[in-house]
């Protein structure tokens, strides 16, 4: 059984036991359970339920494993002939989760 869920504006294909890195889920610590109700599609291999936009009565339960930070991205800005240069760095925060149950 698998499902396609929407988490923080992004879509993920999940099934029981999968480990994912999703954009940071607020106020969740290691060991917390998170219930996601935004299920776009659910399939058991024989029958598929497609939501309009979400499948009613379906949910996915996630177990939070921790928070990590991604690779550093450097952004460089420059305006020619004006002596303007600026370098900015950014590191995105992600939450590691494991799919506990697909209902």
PDB file of N, CA and C in Angstrom:
ATOM      1  N   UNK A   1       0.840  -1.175   0.000  1.00  0.00           N
ATOM      2  CA  UNK A   1       0.000   0.000   0.000  1.00  0.00           C
ATOM      3  C   UNK A   1       0.888   1.242   0.000  1.00  0.00           C
ATOM      4  N   UNK A   2       0.546   2.208  -0.837  1.00  0.00           N
ATOM      5  CA  UNK A   2       1.278   3.462  -0.855  1.00  0.00           C
ATOM      6  C   UNK A   2       0.288   4.614  -0.968  1.00  0.00           C
ATOM      7  N   UNK A   3       0.791   5.801  -0.686  1.00  0.00           N
ATOM      8  CA  UNK A   3      -0.031   7.007  -0.779  1.00  0.00           C
ATOM      9  C   UNK A   3       0.842   8.156  -1.256  1.00  0.00           C
ATOM     10  N   UNK A   4       0.209   9.135  -1.850  1.00  0.00           N
ATOM     11  CA  UNK A   4       0.885  10.377  -2.203  1.00  0.00           C
ATOM     12  C   UNK A   4       0.303  11.452  -1.298  1.00  0.00           C
ATOM     13  N   UNK A   5       1.174  12.068  -0.490  1.00  0.00           N
ATOM     14  CA  UNK A   5       0.738  13.052   0.489  1.00  0.00           C
ATOM     15  C   UNK A   5       1.376  14.407   0.205  1.00  0.00           C
ATOM     16  N   UNK A   6       0.723  15.441   0.712  1.00  0.00           N
ATOM     17  CA  UNK A   6       1.244  16.794   0.587  1.00  0.00           C
ATOM     18  C   UNK A   6       1.734  17.235   1.964  1.00  0.00           C
ATOM     19  N   UNK A   7       3.038  17.529   2.041  1.00  0.00           N
ATOM     20  CA  UNK A   7       3.645  17.986   3.282  1.00  0.00           C
ATOM     21  C   UNK A   7       4.363  19.293   2.976  1.00  0.00           C
ATOM     22  N   UNK A   8       3.951  20.368   3.631  1.00  0.00           N
ATOM     23  CA  UNK A   8       4.563  21.696   3.475  1.00  0.00           C
ATOM     24  C   UNK A   8       4.627  22.128   2.014  1.00  0.00           C
ATOM     25  N   UNK A   9       3.569  21.849   1.261  1.00  0.00           N
ATOM     26  CA  UNK A   9       3.487  22.291  -0.125  1.00  0.00           C
ATOM     27  C   UNK A   9       4.199  21.403  -1.124  1.00  0.00           C
ATOM     28  N   UNK A  10       4.823  20.312  -0.667  1.00  0.00           N
ATOM     29  CA  UNK A  10       5.503  19.385  -1.562  1.00  0.00           C
ATOM     30  C   UNK A  10       4.821  18.026  -1.495  1.00  0.00           C
ATOM     31  N   UNK A  11       4.886  17.283  -2.605  1.00  0.00           N
ATOM     32  CA  UNK A  11       4.244  15.977  -2.668  1.00  0.00           C
ATOM     33  C   UNK A  11       5.288  14.876  -2.518  1.00  0.00           C
ATOM     34  N   UNK A  12       4.938  13.840  -1.718  1.00  0.00           N
ATOM     35  CA  UNK A  12       5.819  12.711  -1.467  1.00  0.00           C
ATOM     36  C   UNK A  12       5.050  11.412  -1.639  1.00  0.00           C
ATOM     37  N   UNK A  13       5.687  10.428  -2.268  1.00  0.00           N
ATOM     38  CA  UNK A  13       5.123   9.086  -2.361  1.00  0.00           C
ATOM     39  C   UNK A  13       5.640   8.304  -1.163  1.00  0.00           C
ATOM     40  N   UNK A  14       4.719   7.789  -0.329  1.00  0.00           N
ATOM     41  CA  UNK A  14       5.117   7.118   0.903  1.00  0.00           C
ATOM     42  C   UNK A  14       4.456   5.753   1.021  1.00  0.00           C
ATOM     43  N   UNK A  15       5.132   4.857   1.707  1.00  0.00           N
ATOM     44  CA  UNK A  15       4.566   3.588   2.112  1.00  0.00           C
ATOM     45  C   UNK A  15       5.135   3.263   3.486  1.00  0.00           C
ATOM     46  N   UNK A  16       4.549   2.307   4.166  1.00  0.00           N
ATOM     47  CA  UNK A  16       4.938   2.012   5.544  1.00  0.00           C
ATOM     48  C   UNK A  16       6.419   1.635   5.621  1.00  0.00           C
ATOM     49  N   UNK A  17       7.129   2.272   6.560  1.00  0.00           N
ATOM     50  CA  UNK A  17       8.541   1.997   6.767  1.00  0.00           C
ATOM     51  C   UNK A  17       9.492   2.915   6.013  1.00  0.00           C
ATOM     52  N   UNK A  18       8.984   3.748   5.120  1.00  0.00           N
ATOM     53  CA  UNK A  18       9.837   4.679   4.371  1.00  0.00           C
ATOM     54  C   UNK A  18      10.424   5.748   5.288  1.00  0.00           C
ATOM     55  N   UNK A  19      11.648   6.176   4.976  1.00  0.00           N
ATOM     56  CA  UNK A  19      12.289   7.261   5.708  1.00  0.00           C
ATOM     57  C   UNK A  19      12.457   8.432   4.751  1.00  0.00           C
ATOM     58  N   UNK A  20      12.033   9.616   5.194  1.00  0.00           N
ATOM     59  CA  UNK A  20      12.034  10.802   4.346  1.00  0.00           C
ATOM     60  C   UNK A  20      12.681  11.982   5.047  1.00  0.00           C
ATOM     61  N   UNK A  21      13.124  12.936   4.251  1.00  0.00           N
ATOM     62  CA  UNK A  21      13.539  14.240   4.752  1.00  0.00           C
ATOM     63  C   UNK A  21      12.566  15.248   4.157  1.00  0.00           C
ATOM     64  N   UNK A  22      11.748  15.852   5.024  1.00  0.00           N
ATOM     65  CA  UNK A  22      10.736  16.803   4.590  1.00  0.00           C
ATOM     66  C   UNK A  22      11.086  18.182   5.125  1.00  0.00           C
ATOM     67  N   UNK A  23      10.558  19.252   4.511  1.00  0.00           N
ATOM     68  CA  UNK A  23      10.795  20.584   5.075  1.00  0.00           C
ATOM     69  C   UNK A  23      10.373  20.613   6.541  1.00  0.00           C
ATOM     70  N   UNK A  24      11.049  21.430   7.331  1.00  0.00           N
ATOM     71  CA  UNK A  24      10.891  21.402   8.783  1.00  0.00           C
ATOM     72  C   UNK A  24       9.433  21.484   9.231  1.00  0.00           C
ATOM     73  N   UNK A  25       9.050  20.524  10.071  1.00  0.00           N
ATOM     74  CA  UNK A  25       7.743  20.519  10.703  1.00  0.00           C
ATOM     75  C   UNK A  25       7.881  21.234  12.036  1.00  0.00           C
ATOM     76  N   UNK A  26       7.073  22.236  12.283  1.00  0.00           N
ATOM     77  CA  UNK A  26       7.225  23.096  13.456  1.00  0.00           C
ATOM     78  C   UNK A  26       6.881  22.375  14.758  1.00  0.00           C
ATOM     79  N   UNK A  27       7.623  22.735  15.796  1.00  0.00           N
ATOM     80  CA  UNK A  27       7.363  22.320  17.174  1.00  0.00           C
ATOM     81  C   UNK A  27       7.251  20.807  17.350  1.00  0.00           C
ATOM     82  N   UNK A  28       8.051  20.051  16.640  1.00  0.00           N
ATOM     83  CA  UNK A  28       8.070  18.597  16.802  1.00  0.00           C
ATOM     84  C   UNK A  28       9.451  18.158  17.247  1.00  0.00           C
ATOM     85  N   UNK A  29       9.480  17.299  18.261  1.00  0.00           N
ATOM     86  CA  UNK A  29      10.739  16.784  18.780  1.00  0.00           C
ATOM     87  C   UNK A  29      10.875  15.322  18.396  1.00  0.00           C
ATOM     88  N   UNK A  30      12.062  14.782  18.631  1.00  0.00           N
ATOM     89  CA  UNK A  30      12.337  13.390  18.317  1.00  0.00           C
ATOM     90  C   UNK A  30      11.387  12.484  19.080  1.00  0.00           C
ATOM     91  N   UNK A  31      10.742  11.556  18.374  1.00  0.00           N
ATOM     92  CA  UNK A  31       9.813  10.618  18.988  1.00  0.00           C
ATOM     93  C   UNK A  31       8.354  11.022  18.872  1.00  0.00           C
ATOM     94  N   UNK A  32       8.069  12.261  18.467  1.00  0.00           N
ATOM     95  CA  UNK A  32       6.685  12.712  18.306  1.00  0.00           C
ATOM     96  C   UNK A  32       6.050  12.046  17.094  1.00  0.00           C
ATOM     97  N   UNK A  33       4.717  11.895  17.145  1.00  0.00           N
ATOM     98  CA  UNK A  33       3.970  11.384  16.002  1.00  0.00           C
ATOM     99  C   UNK A  33       3.192  12.530  15.375  1.00  0.00           C
ATOM    100  N   UNK A  34       3.202  12.578  14.041  1.00  0.00           N
ATOM    101  CA  UNK A  34       2.518  13.620  13.289  1.00  0.00           C
ATOM    102  C   UNK A  34       1.519  12.946  12.361  1.00  0.00           C
ATOM    103  N   UNK A  35       0.290  13.454  12.338  1.00  0.00           N
ATOM    104  CA  UNK A  35      -0.745  12.900  11.472  1.00  0.00           C
ATOM    105  C   UNK A  35      -0.949  13.854  10.291  1.00  0.00           C
ATOM    106  N   UNK A  36      -0.821  13.341   9.074  1.00  0.00           N
ATOM    107  CA  UNK A  36      -1.000  14.119   7.849  1.00  0.00           C
ATOM    108  C   UNK A  36      -2.322  13.698   7.204  1.00  0.00           C
ATOM    109  N   UNK A  37      -3.238  14.668   7.042  1.00  0.00           N
ATOM    110  CA  UNK A  37      -4.545  14.376   6.452  1.00  0.00           C
ATOM    111  C   UNK A  37      -4.624  14.713   4.964  1.00  0.00           C
ATOM    112  N   UNK A  38      -3.608  15.365   4.440  1.00  0.00           N
ATOM    113  CA  UNK A  38      -3.619  15.785   3.040  1.00  0.00           C
ATOM    114  C   UNK A  38      -3.115  14.654   2.138  1.00  0.00           C
ATOM    115  N   UNK A  39      -3.959  13.643   1.951  1.00  0.00           N
ATOM    116  CA  UNK A  39      -3.640  12.487   1.111  1.00  0.00           C
ATOM    117  C   UNK A  39      -4.268  12.720  -0.256  1.00  0.00           C
ATOM    118  N   UNK A  40      -3.419  12.808  -1.288  1.00  0.00           N
ATOM    119  CA  UNK A  40      -3.897  13.073  -2.646  1.00  0.00           C
ATOM    120  C   UNK A  40      -4.318  11.798  -3.368  1.00  0.00           C
ATOM    121  N   UNK A  41      -3.641  10.687  -3.076  1.00  0.00           N
ATOM    122  CA  UNK A  41      -3.929   9.413  -3.727  1.00  0.00           C
ATOM    123  C   UNK A  41      -3.564   8.288  -2.781  1.00  0.00           C
ATOM    124  N   UNK A  42      -4.371   7.235  -2.758  1.00  0.00           N
ATOM    125  CA  UNK A  42      -4.084   6.063  -1.931  1.00  0.00           C
ATOM    126  C   UNK A  42      -4.349   4.821  -2.775  1.00  0.00           C
ATOM    127  N   UNK A  43      -3.402   3.881  -2.746  1.00  0.00           N
ATOM    128  CA  UNK A  43      -3.541   2.674  -3.561  1.00  0.00           C
ATOM    129  C   UNK A  43      -3.039   1.461  -2.787  1.00  0.00           C
ATOM    130  N   UNK A  44      -3.746   0.330  -2.959  1.00  0.00           N
ATOM    131  CA  UNK A  44      -3.305  -0.920  -2.342  1.00  0.00           C
ATOM    132  C   UNK A  44      -2.832  -1.929  -3.385  1.00  0.00           C
ATOM    133  N   UNK A  45      -2.641  -1.500  -4.621  1.00  0.00           N
ATOM    134  CA  UNK A  45      -2.178  -2.368  -5.694  1.00  0.00           C
ATOM    135  C   UNK A  45      -3.303  -2.824  -6.599  1.00  0.00           C
ATOM    136  N   UNK A  46      -4.515  -2.971  -6.056  1.00  0.00           N
ATOM    137  CA  UNK A  46      -5.674  -3.382  -6.847  1.00  0.00           C
ATOM    138  C   UNK A  46      -6.632  -2.216  -7.062  1.00  0.00           C
ATOM    139  N   UNK A  47      -6.813  -1.431  -6.010  1.00  0.00           N
ATOM    140  CA  UNK A  47      -7.764  -0.332  -6.049  1.00  0.00           C
ATOM    141  C   UNK A  47      -7.065   0.967  -5.682  1.00  0.00           C
ATOM    142  N   UNK A  48      -7.368   2.032  -6.428  1.00  0.00           N
ATOM    143  CA  UNK A  48      -6.785   3.339  -6.152  1.00  0.00           C
ATOM    144  C   UNK A  48      -7.890   4.336  -5.840  1.00  0.00           C
ATOM    145  N   UNK A  49      -7.674   5.142  -4.823  1.00  0.00           N
ATOM    146  CA  UNK A  49      -8.593   6.227  -4.488  1.00  0.00           C
ATOM    147  C   UNK A  49      -7.892   7.536  -4.815  1.00  0.00           C
ATOM    148  N   UNK A  50      -8.538   8.348  -5.648  1.00  0.00           N
ATOM    149  CA  UNK A  50      -7.979   9.629  -6.048  1.00  0.00           C
ATOM    150  C   UNK A  50      -8.830  10.722  -5.421  1.00  0.00           C
ATOM    151  N   UNK A  51      -8.179  11.660  -4.753  1.00  0.00           N
ATOM    152  CA  UNK A  51      -8.887  12.721  -4.052  1.00  0.00           C
ATOM    153  C   UNK A  51      -9.241  13.885  -4.952  1.00  0.00           C
ATOM    154  N   UNK A  52     -10.219  14.672  -4.494  1.00  0.00           N
ATOM    155  CA  UNK A  52     -10.620  15.872  -5.209  1.00  0.00           C
ATOM    156  C   UNK A  52     -10.705  17.039  -4.240  1.00  0.00           C
ATOM    157  N   UNK A  53      -9.706  17.648  -3.730  1.00  0.00           N
ATOM    158  CA  UNK A  53      -8.288  17.385  -3.946  1.00  0.00           C
ATOM    159  C   UNK A  53      -7.705  16.336  -3.003  1.00  0.00           C
ATOM    160  N   UNK A  54      -8.394  16.032  -1.865  1.00  0.00           N
ATOM    161  CA  UNK A  54      -7.856  15.069  -0.906  1.00  0.00           C
ATOM    162  C   UNK A  54      -8.817  13.900  -0.738  1.00  0.00           C
ATOM    163  N   UNK A  55      -8.269  12.720  -0.387  1.00  0.00           N
ATOM    164  CA  UNK A  55      -9.067  11.526  -0.147  1.00  0.00           C
ATOM    165  C   UNK A  55      -9.689  11.646   1.240  1.00  0.00           C
ATOM    166  N   UNK A  56     -11.008  11.579   1.307  1.00  0.00           N
ATOM    167  CA  UNK A  56     -11.709  11.721   2.589  1.00  0.00           C
ATOM    168  C   UNK A  56     -11.462  10.502   3.474  1.00  0.00           C
ATOM    169  N   UNK A  57     -11.182  10.749   4.747  1.00  0.00           N
ATOM    170  CA  UNK A  57     -11.008   9.665   5.712  1.00  0.00           C
ATOM    171  C   UNK A  57      -9.649   8.989   5.678  1.00  0.00           C
ATOM    172  N   UNK A  58      -8.723   9.457   4.857  1.00  0.00           N
ATOM    173  CA  UNK A  58      -7.393   8.861   4.779  1.00  0.00           C
ATOM    174  C   UNK A  58      -6.384   9.726   5.517  1.00  0.00           C
ATOM    175  N   UNK A  59      -5.382   9.072   6.071  1.00  0.00           N
ATOM    176  CA  UNK A  59      -4.324   9.812   6.754  1.00  0.00           C
ATOM    177  C   UNK A  59      -3.046   8.980   6.764  1.00  0.00           C
ATOM    178  N   UNK A  60      -1.945   9.658   7.026  1.00  0.00           N
ATOM    179  CA  UNK A  60      -0.638   9.016   7.132  1.00  0.00           C
ATOM    180  C   UNK A  60      -0.033   9.452   8.459  1.00  0.00           C
ATOM    181  N   UNK A  61       0.487   8.489   9.201  1.00  0.00           N
ATOM    182  CA  UNK A  61       1.100   8.784  10.491  1.00  0.00           C
ATOM    183  C   UNK A  61       2.611   8.735  10.352  1.00  0.00           C
ATOM    184  N   UNK A  62       3.283   9.820  10.771  1.00  0.00           N
ATOM    185  CA  UNK A  62       4.734   9.935  10.671  1.00  0.00           C
ATOM    186  C   UNK A  62       5.350   9.953  12.065  1.00  0.00           C
ATOM    187  N   UNK A  63       6.514   9.331  12.195  1.00  0.00           N
ATOM    188  CA  UNK A  63       7.275   9.341  13.439  1.00  0.00           C
ATOM    189  C   UNK A  63       8.514  10.203  13.217  1.00  0.00           C
ATOM    190  N   UNK A  64       8.669  11.262  14.026  1.00  0.00           N
ATOM    191  CA  UNK A  64       9.773  12.200  13.866  1.00  0.00           C
ATOM    192  C   UNK A  64      11.052  11.580  14.412  1.00  0.00           C
ATOM    193  N   UNK A  65      12.106  11.557  13.579  1.00  0.00           N
ATOM    194  CA  UNK A  65      13.408  11.010  13.971  1.00  0.00           C
ATOM    195  C   UNK A  65      14.393  12.095  14.386  1.00  0.00           C
ATOM    196  N   UNK A  66      14.170  13.344  13.940  1.00  0.00           N
ATOM    197  CA  UNK A  66      15.071  14.435  14.304  1.00  0.00           C
ATOM    198  C   UNK A  66      15.089  15.524  13.251  1.00  0.00           C
ATOM    199  N   UNK A  67      15.810  16.600  13.553  1.00  0.00           N
ATOM    200  CA  UNK A  67      15.965  17.713  12.623  1.00  0.00           C
ATOM    201  C   UNK A  67      17.410  17.790  12.158  1.00  0.00           C
ATOM    202  N   UNK A  68      17.608  18.070  10.870  1.00  0.00           N
ATOM    203  CA  UNK A  68      18.948  18.211  10.304  1.00  0.00           C
ATOM    204  C   UNK A  68      18.984  19.466   9.448  1.00  0.00           C
ATOM    205  N   UNK A  69      20.179  19.873   9.063  1.00  0.00           N
ATOM    206  CA  UNK A  69      20.347  21.012   8.164  1.00  0.00           C
ATOM    207  C   UNK A  69      20.990  20.529   6.880  1.00  0.00           C
ATOM    208  N   UNK A  70      20.544  21.081   5.769  1.00  0.00           N
ATOM    209  CA  UNK A  70      21.048  20.684   4.461  1.00  0.00           C
ATOM    210  C   UNK A  70      22.363  21.346   4.115  1.00  0.00           C
ATOM    211  N   UNK A  71      22.792  21.147   2.878  1.00  0.00           N
ATOM    212  CA  UNK A  71      24.019  21.739   2.358  1.00  0.00           C
ATOM    213  C   UNK A  71      23.910  23.256   2.333  1.00  0.00           C
ATOM    214  N   UNK A  72      25.038  23.927   2.484  1.00  0.00           N
ATOM    215  CA  UNK A  72      25.051  25.383   2.415  1.00  0.00           C
ATOM    216  C   UNK A  72      25.033  25.825   0.956  1.00  0.00           C
ATOM    217  N   UNK A  73      24.172  26.785   0.667  1.00  0.00           N
ATOM    218  CA  UNK A  73      24.061  27.356  -0.669  1.00  0.00           C
ATOM    219  C   UNK A  73      24.589  28.781  -0.603  1.00  0.00           C
ATOM    220  N   UNK A  74      25.463  29.136  -1.519  1.00  0.00           N
ATOM    221  CA  UNK A  74      26.000  30.488  -1.561  1.00  0.00           C
ATOM    222  C   UNK A  74      25.333  31.255  -2.705  1.00  0.00           C
ATOM    223  N   UNK A  75      24.872  32.465  -2.390  1.00  0.00           N
ATOM    224  CA  UNK A  75      24.236  33.337  -3.380  1.00  0.00           C
ATOM    225  C   UNK A  75      25.121  34.560  -3.535  1.00  0.00           C
ATOM    226  N   UNK A  76      25.513  34.865  -4.772  1.00  0.00           N
ATOM    227  CA  UNK A  76      26.397  35.995  -5.045  1.00  0.00           C
ATOM    228  C   UNK A  76      25.661  37.015  -5.907  1.00  0.00           C
ATOM    229  N   UNK A  77      25.637  38.263  -5.441  1.00  0.00           N
ATOM    230  CA  UNK A  77      25.010  39.343  -6.194  1.00  0.00           C
ATOM    231  C   UNK A  77      26.087  40.335  -6.620  1.00  0.00           C
ATOM    232  N   UNK A  78      25.927  40.897  -7.807  1.00  0.00           N
ATOM    233  CA  UNK A  78      26.878  41.888  -8.282  1.00  0.00           C
ATOM    234  C   UNK A  78      26.187  42.831  -9.258  1.00  0.00           C
ATOM    235  N   UNK A  79      26.513  44.120  -9.133  1.00  0.00           N
ATOM    236  CA  UNK A  79      26.041  45.111 -10.093  1.00  0.00           C
ATOM    237  C   UNK A  79      27.266  45.679 -10.806  1.00  0.00           C
ATOM    238  N   UNK A  80      27.304  45.531 -12.111  1.00  0.00           N
ATOM    239  CA  UNK A  80      28.488  45.983 -12.839  1.00  0.00           C
ATOM    240  C   UNK A  80      28.683  47.501 -12.770  1.00  0.00           C
ATOM    241  N   UNK A  81      29.936  47.889 -12.712  1.00  0.00           N
ATOM    242  CA  UNK A  81      30.369  49.291 -12.730  1.00  0.00           C
ATOM    243  C   UNK A  81      29.938  50.092 -11.502  1.00  0.00           C
ATOM    244  N   UNK A  82      29.435  49.452 -10.455  1.00  0.00           N
ATOM    245  CA  UNK A  82      28.954  50.164  -9.274  1.00  0.00           C
ATOM    246  C   UNK A  82      29.660  49.729  -7.983  1.00  0.00           C
ATOM    247  N   UNK A  83      30.647  48.825  -8.079  1.00  0.00           N
ATOM    248  CA  UNK A  83      31.386  48.308  -6.930  1.00  0.00           C
ATOM    249  C   UNK A  83      30.484  47.667  -5.876  1.00  0.00           C
ATOM    250  N   UNK A  84      29.405  47.060  -6.337  1.00  0.00           N
ATOM    251  CA  UNK A  84      28.484  46.384  -5.409  1.00  0.00           C
ATOM    252  C   UNK A  84      28.646  44.881  -5.569  1.00  0.00           C
ATOM    253  N   UNK A  85      29.049  44.213  -4.509  1.00  0.00           N
ATOM    254  CA  UNK A  85      29.143  42.759  -4.470  1.00  0.00           C
ATOM    255  C   UNK A  85      28.653  42.294  -3.109  1.00  0.00           C
ATOM    256  N   UNK A  86      27.918  41.204  -3.100  1.00  0.00           N
ATOM    257  CA  UNK A  86      27.402  40.687  -1.840  1.00  0.00           C
ATOM    258  C   UNK A  86      27.289  39.178  -1.933  1.00  0.00           C
ATOM    259  N   UNK A  87      27.770  38.470  -0.901  1.00  0.00           N
ATOM    260  CA  UNK A  87      27.656  37.022  -0.824  1.00  0.00           C
ATOM    261  C   UNK A  87      26.785  36.665   0.369  1.00  0.00           C
ATOM    262  N   UNK A  88      25.795  35.816   0.134  1.00  0.00           N
ATOM    263  CA  UNK A  88      24.866  35.387   1.182  1.00  0.00           C
ATOM    264  C   UNK A  88      24.875  33.865   1.222  1.00  0.00           C
ATOM    265  N   UNK A  89      24.851  33.284   2.417  1.00  0.00           N
ATOM    266  CA  UNK A  89      24.772  31.839   2.564  1.00  0.00           C
ATOM    267  C   UNK A  89      23.436  31.444   3.173  1.00  0.00           C
ATOM    268  N   UNK A  90      22.958  30.234   2.825  1.00  0.00           N
ATOM    269  CA  UNK A  90      21.684  29.734   3.363  1.00  0.00           C
ATOM    270  C   UNK A  90      21.774  28.230   3.580  1.00  0.00           C
ATOM    271  N   UNK A  91      21.253  27.755   4.717  1.00  0.00           N
ATOM    272  CA  UNK A  91      21.138  26.319   4.979  1.00  0.00           C
ATOM    273  C   UNK A  91      19.695  26.013   5.357  1.00  0.00           C
ATOM    274  N   UNK A  92      19.051  25.161   4.590  1.00  0.00           N
ATOM    275  CA  UNK A  92      17.659  24.786   4.832  1.00  0.00           C
ATOM    276  C   UNK A  92      17.591  23.750   5.952  1.00  0.00           C
ATOM    277  N   UNK A  93      16.566  23.847   6.794  1.00  0.00           N
ATOM    278  CA  UNK A  93      16.357  22.889   7.875  1.00  0.00           C
ATOM    279  C   UNK A  93      15.330  21.855   7.436  1.00  0.00           C
ATOM    280  N   UNK A  94      15.624  20.595   7.672  1.00  0.00           N
ATOM    281  CA  UNK A  94      14.738  19.486   7.313  1.00  0.00           C
ATOM    282  C   UNK A  94      14.403  18.664   8.548  1.00  0.00           C
ATOM    283  N   UNK A  95      13.275  17.964   8.501  1.00  0.00           N
ATOM    284  CA  UNK A  95      12.886  17.040   9.547  1.00  0.00           C
ATOM    285  C   UNK A  95      12.956  15.635   8.964  1.00  0.00           C
ATOM    286  N   UNK A  96      13.673  14.740   9.657  1.00  0.00           N
ATOM    287  CA  UNK A  96      13.729  13.341   9.241  1.00  0.00           C
ATOM    288  C   UNK A  96      12.542  12.616   9.866  1.00  0.00           C
ATOM    289  N   UNK A  97      11.756  11.932   9.027  1.00  0.00           N
ATOM    290  CA  UNK A  97      10.581  11.213   9.506  1.00  0.00           C
ATOM    291  C   UNK A  97      10.572   9.797   8.950  1.00  0.00           C
ATOM    292  N   UNK A  98       9.850   8.927   9.658  1.00  0.00           N
ATOM    293  CA  UNK A  98       9.628   7.569   9.206  1.00  0.00           C
ATOM    294  C   UNK A  98       8.129   7.353   9.158  1.00  0.00           C
ATOM    295  N   UNK A  99       7.638   6.717   8.089  1.00  0.00           N
ATOM    296  CA  UNK A  99       6.211   6.486   7.932  1.00  0.00           C
ATOM    297  C   UNK A  99       5.817   5.309   8.823  1.00  0.00           C
ATOM    298  N   UNK A 100       4.955   5.593   9.809  1.00  0.00           N
ATOM    299  CA  UNK A 100       4.519   4.558  10.749  1.00  0.00           C
ATOM    300  C   UNK A 100       3.307   3.800  10.247  1.00  0.00           C
ATOM    301  N   UNK A 101       2.378   4.507   9.603  1.00  0.00           N
ATOM    302  CA  UNK A 101       1.136   3.856   9.185  1.00  0.00           C
ATOM    303  C   UNK A 101       0.492   4.640   8.054  1.00  0.00           C
ATOM    304  N   UNK A 102      -0.119   3.923   7.108  1.00  0.00           N
ATOM    305  CA  UNK A 102      -0.904   4.531   6.033  1.00  0.00           C
ATOM    306  C   UNK A 102      -2.335   4.019   6.188  1.00  0.00           C
ATOM    307  N   UNK A 103      -3.265   4.928   6.477  1.00  0.00           N
ATOM    308  CA  UNK A 103      -4.678   4.519   6.692  1.00  0.00           C
ATOM    309  C   UNK A 103      -5.525   4.970   5.532  1.00  0.00           C
TER     310      UNK A 103
END
